[in-house]
Amino acid sequence: MEIRIRPALPSDFDHLADVMFHAVHDAKSRYTKSQRLAWVPEPRRGKVWAKRLGDQVVILAEEKRRPVGFISLTNEGYIDFAYVLPLFQGQGVFRKLYFEVEALAKSRKLDLVWVHASLNAESAFRSVGFVVRCQESVAIGNEMFDRFVMEKQLAAGI
């Protein structure tokens, strides 16, 4: 398996919506089926999706020109999205994506990156040095979701 990391283009955004959908629905999960349906009822499409991703830096991982994962970073250091297709989970794809984003954050002299990590993603973020600041429950549709607010201090500019 040869994974290539590159910046995402607007033409990739629909494919990334599919990655997100399958990561939420097809991977082993600590959330119920009804919670996952509330979270991502269908792949995101359209102007709102394109604007949300377009307002961030999005890095994707691909194998044979097919996106298999992606991560995004806002100007404020917030990791808005981090998803990897189930078949590629546990193979270092998340780490490759994360360290690209961390290098970018450092080049922008950010002191901190942070994320709302799902129960499924908490261990991945912990493995790259994030710490839990708090656990919270949020409503999405008619479902409640437990998640973690996690952060990582950076030595900016290194």
Protein backbone atom coordinates (compact mmCIF):
# COMPACT_ATOMS: atom_id res chain seq x y z
CA MET A 1 0.00 0.00 0.00
CA GLU A 2 1.45 3.32 -1.08
CA ILE A 3 -0.24 6.30 0.54
CA ARG A 4 0.29 9.74 -0.94
CA ILE A 5 -0.43 12.88 1.10
CA ARG A 6 -1.41 16.09 -0.67
CA PRO A 7 -3.53 19.22 -0.28
CA ALA A 8 -7.16 18.64 -1.22
CA LEU A 9 -8.67 20.55 -4.11
CA PRO A 10 -12.31 21.65 -4.42
CA SER A 11 -12.75 18.84 -6.96
CA ASP A 12 -11.94 16.38 -4.12
CA PHE A 13 -14.60 17.62 -1.72
CA ASP A 14 -17.40 15.23 -2.76
CA HIS A 15 -14.99 12.29 -2.47
CA LEU A 16 -14.04 13.45 1.03
CA ALA A 17 -17.73 13.53 1.96
CA ASP A 18 -17.87 9.86 0.96
CA VAL A 19 -14.81 9.09 3.11
CA MET A 20 -16.49 10.78 6.08
CA PHE A 21 -19.76 8.92 5.50
CA HIS A 22 -18.10 5.49 5.30
CA ALA A 23 -15.78 6.20 8.23
CA VAL A 24 -18.79 7.01 10.41
CA HIS A 25 -21.09 4.23 9.18
CA ASP A 26 -18.82 1.30 8.29
CA ALA A 27 -16.04 1.37 10.88
CA LYS A 28 -16.16 -0.17 14.33
CA SER A 29 -17.90 2.44 16.46
CA ARG A 30 -18.77 3.30 20.05
CA TYR A 31 -21.89 5.06 18.78
CA THR A 32 -25.24 3.43 18.02
CA LYS A 33 -26.61 3.16 14.51
CA SER A 34 -29.20 5.87 15.26
CA GLN A 35 -26.46 8.20 16.56
CA ARG A 36 -24.38 7.64 13.42
CA LEU A 37 -27.42 8.34 11.23
CA ALA A 38 -28.02 11.61 13.07
CA TRP A 39 -24.32 12.54 12.79
CA VAL A 40 -23.94 11.87 9.06
CA PRO A 41 -27.27 10.91 7.49
CA GLU A 42 -25.80 11.07 3.97
CA PRO A 43 -22.60 12.25 2.29
CA ARG A 44 -22.39 16.04 2.42
CA ARG A 45 -22.61 17.90 -0.86
CA GLY A 46 -23.19 21.37 -2.23
CA LYS A 47 -22.21 24.95 -1.53
CA VAL A 48 -22.29 24.76 2.28
CA TRP A 49 -19.94 21.74 2.28
CA ALA A 50 -17.64 23.32 -0.31
CA LYS A 51 -17.47 26.59 1.63
CA ARG A 52 -16.77 24.85 4.95
CA LEU A 53 -13.87 22.88 3.49
CA GLY A 54 -12.75 25.81 1.34
CA ASP A 55 -12.36 28.00 4.41
CA GLN A 56 -9.82 25.54 5.88
CA VAL A 57 -6.65 23.78 4.84
CA VAL A 58 -7.62 20.23 3.93
CA ILE A 59 -5.01 17.51 3.54
CA LEU A 60 -5.94 14.17 2.03
CA ALA A 61 -4.40 10.73 1.90
CA GLU A 62 -4.86 8.75 -1.27
CA GLU A 63 -4.02 5.33 -2.55
CA LYS A 64 -4.04 4.83 -6.31
CA ARG A 65 -5.56 8.33 -6.70
CA ARG A 66 -8.51 7.40 -4.46
CA PRO A 67 -8.98 9.43 -1.26
CA VAL A 68 -8.78 7.17 1.80
CA GLY A 69 -8.62 9.81 4.53
CA PHE A 70 -8.48 13.51 5.23
CA ILE A 71 -7.89 16.09 7.94
CA SER A 72 -8.60 19.81 8.07
CA LEU A 73 -7.24 22.78 9.99
CA THR A 74 -8.76 26.22 10.51
CA ASN A 75 -6.72 29.41 10.82
CA GLU A 76 -7.35 29.28 14.58
CA GLY A 77 -5.80 25.81 14.99
CA TYR A 78 -9.03 23.82 15.17
CA ILE A 79 -9.04 20.39 13.54
CA ASP A 80 -12.55 20.30 12.14
CA PHE A 81 -12.43 16.98 10.27
CA ALA A 82 -10.28 13.86 10.61
CA TYR A 83 -11.60 10.72 8.92
CA VAL A 84 -10.02 7.57 7.48
CA LEU A 85 -11.83 4.84 5.56
CA PRO A 86 -12.27 1.70 7.69
CA LEU A 87 -10.02 -0.46 5.48
CA PHE A 88 -7.15 1.98 6.06
CA GLN A 89 -7.61 2.55 9.79
CA GLY A 90 -4.80 1.28 12.01
CA GLN A 91 -2.24 1.54 9.20
CA GLY A 92 -0.68 4.90 10.01
CA VAL A 93 -2.82 7.02 7.67
CA PHE A 94 -4.16 9.21 10.47
CA ARG A 95 -0.63 9.80 11.81
CA LYS A 96 0.63 10.86 8.37
CA LEU A 97 -2.27 13.25 7.95
CA TYR A 98 -1.98 14.65 11.45
CA PHE A 99 1.76 15.36 11.24
CA GLU A 100 1.21 17.25 7.96
CA VAL A 101 -1.31 19.45 9.75
CA GLU A 102 0.95 19.87 12.77
CA ALA A 103 3.81 21.02 10.54
CA LEU A 104 1.47 23.50 8.91
CA ALA A 105 0.26 24.77 12.29
CA LYS A 106 3.85 25.26 13.43
CA SER A 107 4.75 27.09 10.24
CA ARG A 108 1.85 29.45 11.00
CA LYS A 109 3.29 29.92 14.50
CA LEU A 110 0.24 28.49 16.24
CA ASP A 111 0.84 27.58 19.88
CA LEU A 112 -2.02 25.11 20.11
CA VAL A 113 -4.15 22.76 18.02
CA TRP A 114 -7.43 21.43 19.32
CA VAL A 115 -10.28 19.15 18.33
CA HIS A 116 -13.69 17.86 19.35
CA ALA A 117 -12.73 14.18 19.23
CA SER A 118 -15.37 11.51 18.98
CA LEU A 119 -15.25 8.51 21.28
CA ASN A 120 -13.82 6.65 18.28
CA ALA A 121 -11.06 9.20 17.58
CA GLU A 122 -9.90 9.96 21.12
CA SER A 123 -7.21 7.26 21.18
CA ALA A 124 -5.81 8.33 17.78
CA PHE A 125 -5.44 11.92 18.95
CA ARG A 126 -4.00 10.80 22.27
CA SER A 127 -1.40 8.73 20.37
CA VAL A 128 -0.02 11.90 18.73
CA GLY A 129 0.21 13.86 21.97
CA PHE A 130 -3.22 15.38 22.55
CA VAL A 131 -4.62 15.60 26.06
CA VAL A 132 -8.25 15.63 27.10
CA ARG A 133 -9.40 18.97 28.50
CA CYS A 134 -12.97 17.82 29.15
CA GLN A 135 -15.66 15.42 28.09
CA GLU A 136 -18.96 16.82 26.90
CA SER A 137 -22.31 15.72 25.52
CA VAL A 138 -23.82 17.49 22.54
CA ALA A 139 -27.12 17.09 20.73
CA ILE A 140 -27.23 16.35 17.03
CA GLY A 141 -30.78 15.95 15.84
CA ASN A 142 -32.58 13.84 18.42
CA GLU A 143 -29.41 12.09 19.58
CA MET A 144 -26.89 12.91 22.30
CA PHE A 145 -23.19 12.38 21.62
CA ASP A 146 -20.38 12.09 24.10
CA ARG A 147 -17.09 13.50 22.84
CA PHE A 148 -13.83 14.97 24.12
CA VAL A 149 -12.35 18.43 23.85
CA MET A 150 -8.66 17.69 23.27
CA GLU A 151 -5.65 19.90 22.63
CA LYS A 152 -1.96 19.76 21.95
CA GLN A 153 0.53 22.47 22.81
CA LEU A 154 2.99 23.16 19.99
CA ALA A 155 6.46 24.60 20.00
CA ALA A 156 5.57 27.12 17.28
CA GLY A 157 7.96 27.70 14.43
CA ILE A 158 10.06 24.60 15.03
